[in-house]
Amino acid sequence: MKTVDLPRADAIALDADDNPVVFVEVKAQRPINDLDIQDVVTSLARSRTSIPYVMLVDRQTIQVLQWNGAELSELVSHLSTNDILSFYDPELPNKEVFDFYLTALVEAWLRDVAYHWKSDDPPAIGQLKAIGLAQRLHNGTTVTESSYAA
C-alpha cells in the first residue's frame, strides 16, 4: 500500500503490515460537529482505501466509530481526552493547544498501544481491546497528513 493513496486525515494509524486501521480527525479549538463528521464520511467514501475505525478527537472527548465502507456506526467507544492524553502531557488540561499538538498526543497514545513504549497498560487499553482495535494496532505506527500528502 502506498501512503499517498490514503484519504486526507489529521493522522492515520497503520497495522504491522502498513494497512490503515484508524482515520483520526482532531479539533483542538472547538468540539467536533456534524459538519466535521460529514467531511470525514465524504473523505472516506471517496477513498479507495478501507479504514475500519474512525477516531474523532476534541478537547473533551475521543469518540471511536466503525466505518463499513458506506457509513459510520454508532459510537463503539467514548473516552475522555484529558484522561487519556494527560498520561503523555500532564499539563494538557491547563494549557491551550492546537490541532497539530493534540494530533501528536493522539499519535503518542496510539503508538503506545501498538508498542507499549511508555506503559505496559496504556490508557484505555481495555476499551480498545474490547472493540478489537488494540489488537489491530499491535506493532503498527501512525502517519500524519503532512507525511503522506502528495
C-alpha atoms as a PDB file:
ATOM      1  CA  MET A   1       0.000   0.000   0.000  1.00  0.00           C
ATOM      2  CA  LYS A   2       1.270   3.458  -0.861  1.00  0.00           C
ATOM      3  CA  THR A   3       0.597   6.027   1.827  1.00  0.00           C
ATOM      4  CA  VAL A   4      -0.173   8.705  -0.805  1.00  0.00           C
ATOM      5  CA  ASP A   5      -3.384   6.734  -1.527  1.00  0.00           C
ATOM      6  CA  LEU A   6      -4.725   7.453   1.955  1.00  0.00           C
ATOM      7  CA  PRO A   7      -7.642   9.848   2.416  1.00  0.00           C
ATOM      8  CA  ARG A   8      -6.964  13.249   3.958  1.00  0.00           C
ATOM      9  CA  ALA A   9      -6.918  12.909   7.752  1.00  0.00           C
ATOM     10  CA  ASP A  10      -5.047  14.538  10.606  1.00  0.00           C
ATOM     11  CA  ALA A  11      -3.442  11.157  11.245  1.00  0.00           C
ATOM     12  CA  ILE A  12      -3.920   7.559  10.221  1.00  0.00           C
ATOM     13  CA  ALA A  13      -2.890   4.584  12.327  1.00  0.00           C
ATOM     14  CA  LEU A  14      -1.485   1.625  10.440  1.00  0.00           C
ATOM     15  CA  ASP A  15      -1.215  -2.015  11.420  1.00  0.00           C
ATOM     16  CA  ALA A  16       2.028  -4.011  11.317  1.00  0.00           C
ATOM     17  CA  ASP A  17       1.555  -4.596   7.568  1.00  0.00           C
ATOM     18  CA  ASP A  18       1.032  -0.862   6.847  1.00  0.00           C
ATOM     19  CA  ASN A  19      -2.701  -1.302   6.297  1.00  0.00           C
ATOM     20  CA  PRO A  20      -4.759   1.650   7.559  1.00  0.00           C
ATOM     21  CA  VAL A  21      -6.730   0.893  10.707  1.00  0.00           C
ATOM     22  CA  VAL A  22      -7.827   4.247  12.174  1.00  0.00           C
ATOM     23  CA  PHE A  23      -8.733   7.527  10.492  1.00  0.00           C
ATOM     24  CA  VAL A  24      -8.098  10.331  13.035  1.00  0.00           C
ATOM     25  CA  GLU A  25      -9.793  13.742  12.887  1.00  0.00           C
ATOM     26  CA  VAL A  26      -8.710  16.315  15.504  1.00  0.00           C
ATOM     27  CA  LYS A  27     -10.240  19.642  16.508  1.00  0.00           C
ATOM     28  CA  ALA A  28      -8.332  21.271  19.364  1.00  0.00           C
ATOM     29  CA  GLN A  29     -10.023  24.666  19.310  1.00  0.00           C
ATOM     30  CA  ARG A  30     -13.662  23.559  19.202  1.00  0.00           C
ATOM     31  CA  PRO A  31     -15.854  20.493  19.603  1.00  0.00           C
ATOM     32  CA  ILE A  32     -16.292  18.042  16.736  1.00  0.00           C
ATOM     33  CA  ASN A  33     -19.559  18.899  14.987  1.00  0.00           C
ATOM     34  CA  ASP A  34     -21.866  17.337  12.390  1.00  0.00           C
ATOM     35  CA  LEU A  35     -20.100  19.134   9.514  1.00  0.00           C
ATOM     36  CA  ASP A  36     -16.763  17.612  10.625  1.00  0.00           C
ATOM     37  CA  ILE A  37     -18.357  14.173  10.693  1.00  0.00           C
ATOM     38  CA  GLN A  38     -19.819  14.700   7.218  1.00  0.00           C
ATOM     39  CA  ASP A  39     -16.361  15.746   5.953  1.00  0.00           C
ATOM     40  CA  VAL A  40     -14.904  12.526   7.370  1.00  0.00           C
ATOM     41  CA  VAL A  41     -17.631  10.449   5.717  1.00  0.00           C
ATOM     42  CA  THR A  42     -17.038  12.210   2.386  1.00  0.00           C
ATOM     43  CA  SER A  43     -13.282  11.684   2.603  1.00  0.00           C
ATOM     44  CA  LEU A  44     -13.667   8.015   3.465  1.00  0.00           C
ATOM     45  CA  ALA A  45     -16.312   7.436   0.786  1.00  0.00           C
ATOM     46  CA  ARG A  46     -14.059   8.943  -1.900  1.00  0.00           C
ATOM     47  CA  SER A  47     -11.095   6.873  -0.791  1.00  0.00           C
ATOM     48  CA  ARG A  48     -10.311   3.535  -2.357  1.00  0.00           C
ATOM     49  CA  THR A  49      -8.676   2.517   0.894  1.00  0.00           C
ATOM     50  CA  SER A  50     -10.682   0.623   3.513  1.00  0.00           C
ATOM     51  CA  ILE A  51     -10.222   2.000   7.021  1.00  0.00           C
ATOM     52  CA  PRO A  52     -12.285   0.160   9.651  1.00  0.00           C
ATOM     53  CA  TYR A  53     -12.186   2.699  12.517  1.00  0.00           C
ATOM     54  CA  VAL A  54     -12.678   6.450  12.815  1.00  0.00           C
ATOM     55  CA  MET A  55     -11.438   8.437  15.809  1.00  0.00           C
ATOM     56  CA  LEU A  56     -12.898  11.906  16.362  1.00  0.00           C
ATOM     57  CA  VAL A  57     -10.901  13.889  18.907  1.00  0.00           C
ATOM     58  CA  ASP A  58     -11.557  17.253  20.504  1.00  0.00           C
ATOM     59  CA  ARG A  59     -10.543  18.724  23.863  1.00  0.00           C
ATOM     60  CA  GLN A  60     -13.342  16.917  25.684  1.00  0.00           C
ATOM     61  CA  THR A  61     -13.821  13.540  24.046  1.00  0.00           C
ATOM     62  CA  ILE A  62     -12.293  10.830  21.936  1.00  0.00           C
ATOM     63  CA  GLN A  63     -15.059   9.120  20.005  1.00  0.00           C
ATOM     64  CA  VAL A  64     -14.392   5.852  18.188  1.00  0.00           C
ATOM     65  CA  LEU A  65     -16.737   4.653  15.470  1.00  0.00           C
ATOM     66  CA  GLN A  66     -16.524   1.966  12.818  1.00  0.00           C
ATOM     67  CA  TRP A  67     -16.626   2.546   9.062  1.00  0.00           C
ATOM     68  CA  ASN A  68     -18.160  -0.160   6.886  1.00  0.00           C
ATOM     69  CA  GLY A  69     -17.291   1.447   3.559  1.00  0.00           C
ATOM     70  CA  ALA A  70     -20.586   3.318   3.310  1.00  0.00           C
ATOM     71  CA  GLU A  71     -21.475   4.696   6.724  1.00  0.00           C
ATOM     72  CA  LEU A  72     -20.278   5.244  10.271  1.00  0.00           C
ATOM     73  CA  SER A  73     -21.547   3.092  13.108  1.00  0.00           C
ATOM     74  CA  GLU A  74     -22.858   4.366  16.379  1.00  0.00           C
ATOM     75  CA  LEU A  75     -20.153   5.054  18.942  1.00  0.00           C
ATOM     76  CA  VAL A  76     -18.197   1.944  19.858  1.00  0.00           C
ATOM     77  CA  SER A  77     -16.100   3.772  22.430  1.00  0.00           C
ATOM     78  CA  HIS A  78     -16.319   7.163  24.123  1.00  0.00           C
ATOM     79  CA  LEU A  79     -13.319   8.344  26.147  1.00  0.00           C
ATOM     80  CA  SER A  80     -12.218  11.486  27.969  1.00  0.00           C
ATOM     81  CA  THR A  81      -9.468  13.287  26.058  1.00  0.00           C
ATOM     82  CA  ASN A  82      -7.848  14.604  29.227  1.00  0.00           C
ATOM     83  CA  ASP A  83      -7.984  11.228  30.973  1.00  0.00           C
ATOM     84  CA  ILE A  84      -6.222   9.570  28.030  1.00  0.00           C
ATOM     85  CA  LEU A  85      -3.791  12.175  26.765  1.00  0.00           C
ATOM     86  CA  SER A  86      -2.734  13.682  30.123  1.00  0.00           C
ATOM     87  CA  PHE A  87      -0.742  10.485  30.549  1.00  0.00           C
ATOM     88  CA  TYR A  88       1.538  11.838  27.788  1.00  0.00           C
ATOM     89  CA  ASP A  89       1.374  15.501  28.827  1.00  0.00           C
ATOM     90  CA  PRO A  90       0.220  16.057  32.424  1.00  0.00           C
ATOM     91  CA  GLU A  91      -0.209  19.789  31.757  1.00  0.00           C
ATOM     92  CA  LEU A  92      -2.674  19.218  28.911  1.00  0.00           C
ATOM     93  CA  PRO A  93      -5.822  20.165  30.853  1.00  0.00           C
ATOM     94  CA  ASN A  94      -4.288  23.508  31.840  1.00  0.00           C
ATOM     95  CA  LYS A  95      -2.934  24.827  28.574  1.00  0.00           C
ATOM     96  CA  GLU A  96      -4.061  25.966  25.182  1.00  0.00           C
ATOM     97  CA  VAL A  97      -3.219  23.532  22.412  1.00  0.00           C
ATOM     98  CA  PHE A  98      -3.669  23.481  18.664  1.00  0.00           C
ATOM     99  CA  ASP A  99      -4.582  20.697  16.251  1.00  0.00           C
ATOM    100  CA  PHE A 100      -1.008  19.659  15.455  1.00  0.00           C
ATOM    101  CA  TYR A 101      -0.114  19.185  19.146  1.00  0.00           C
ATOM    102  CA  LEU A 102      -3.313  17.338  20.028  1.00  0.00           C
ATOM    103  CA  THR A 103      -2.700  15.144  16.971  1.00  0.00           C
ATOM    104  CA  ALA A 104       0.836  14.418  18.201  1.00  0.00           C
ATOM    105  CA  LEU A 105      -0.534  13.354  21.593  1.00  0.00           C
ATOM    106  CA  VAL A 106      -3.088  11.061  19.941  1.00  0.00           C
ATOM    107  CA  GLU A 107      -0.276   9.541  17.885  1.00  0.00           C
ATOM    108  CA  ALA A 108       1.818   9.026  21.034  1.00  0.00           C
ATOM    109  CA  TRP A 109      -1.101   7.193  22.642  1.00  0.00           C
ATOM    110  CA  LEU A 110      -1.796   5.023  19.579  1.00  0.00           C
ATOM    111  CA  ARG A 111       1.895   4.144  19.289  1.00  0.00           C
ATOM    112  CA  ASP A 112       1.924   3.272  22.988  1.00  0.00           C
ATOM    113  CA  VAL A 113      -0.998   0.924  22.340  1.00  0.00           C
ATOM    114  CA  ALA A 114       0.958  -0.548  19.418  1.00  0.00           C
ATOM    115  CA  TYR A 115       4.370  -0.869  21.105  1.00  0.00           C
ATOM    116  CA  HIS A 116       3.900  -0.213  24.839  1.00  0.00           C
ATOM    117  CA  TRP A 117       6.790   2.278  24.671  1.00  0.00           C
ATOM    118  CA  LYS A 118       5.600   4.202  27.733  1.00  0.00           C
ATOM    119  CA  SER A 119       3.395   1.763  29.596  1.00  0.00           C
ATOM    120  CA  ASP A 120       2.540  -1.918  29.727  1.00  0.00           C
ATOM    121  CA  ASP A 121      -1.076  -0.770  30.094  1.00  0.00           C
ATOM    122  CA  PRO A 122      -1.620   2.399  28.052  1.00  0.00           C
ATOM    123  CA  PRO A 123      -4.725   4.430  28.902  1.00  0.00           C
ATOM    124  CA  ALA A 124      -7.985   2.801  27.772  1.00  0.00           C
ATOM    125  CA  ILE A 125      -6.205  -0.319  26.510  1.00  0.00           C
ATOM    126  CA  GLY A 126      -9.075  -2.415  27.887  1.00  0.00           C
ATOM    127  CA  GLN A 127     -11.687  -0.446  25.950  1.00  0.00           C
ATOM    128  CA  LEU A 128      -9.620  -0.629  22.767  1.00  0.00           C
ATOM    129  CA  LYS A 129      -9.170  -4.386  23.191  1.00  0.00           C
ATOM    130  CA  ALA A 130     -12.910  -4.808  23.765  1.00  0.00           C
ATOM    131  CA  ILE A 131     -13.704  -3.296  20.347  1.00  0.00           C
ATOM    132  CA  GLY A 132     -10.856  -5.136  18.588  1.00  0.00           C
ATOM    133  CA  LEU A 133      -8.814  -2.013  17.899  1.00  0.00           C
ATOM    134  CA  ALA A 134      -5.814  -2.606  20.171  1.00  0.00           C
ATOM    135  CA  GLN A 135      -5.134  -5.962  18.528  1.00  0.00           C
ATOM    136  CA  ARG A 136      -5.157  -4.374  15.072  1.00  0.00           C
ATOM    137  CA  LEU A 137      -2.747  -1.637  16.177  1.00  0.00           C
ATOM    138  CA  HIS A 138      -0.192  -4.130  17.568  1.00  0.00           C
ATOM    139  CA  ASN A 139       3.263  -3.359  16.093  1.00  0.00           C
ATOM    140  CA  GLY A 140       1.756  -0.676  13.863  1.00  0.00           C
ATOM    141  CA  THR A 141       2.528   3.013  13.570  1.00  0.00           C
ATOM    142  CA  THR A 142       0.918   6.311  12.646  1.00  0.00           C
ATOM    143  CA  VAL A 143       1.333   8.795   9.831  1.00  0.00           C
ATOM    144  CA  THR A 144       0.216  12.402   9.765  1.00  0.00           C
ATOM    145  CA  GLU A 145      -1.270  14.200   6.809  1.00  0.00           C
ATOM    146  CA  SER A 146       1.981  16.073   6.207  1.00  0.00           C
ATOM    147  CA  SER A 147       3.909  12.811   5.918  1.00  0.00           C
ATOM    148  CA  TYR A 148       1.709  11.266   3.221  1.00  0.00           C
ATOM    149  CA  ALA A 149       0.160  14.240   1.388  1.00  0.00           C
ATOM    150  CA  ALA A 150       1.020  14.199  -2.300  1.00  0.00           C
END
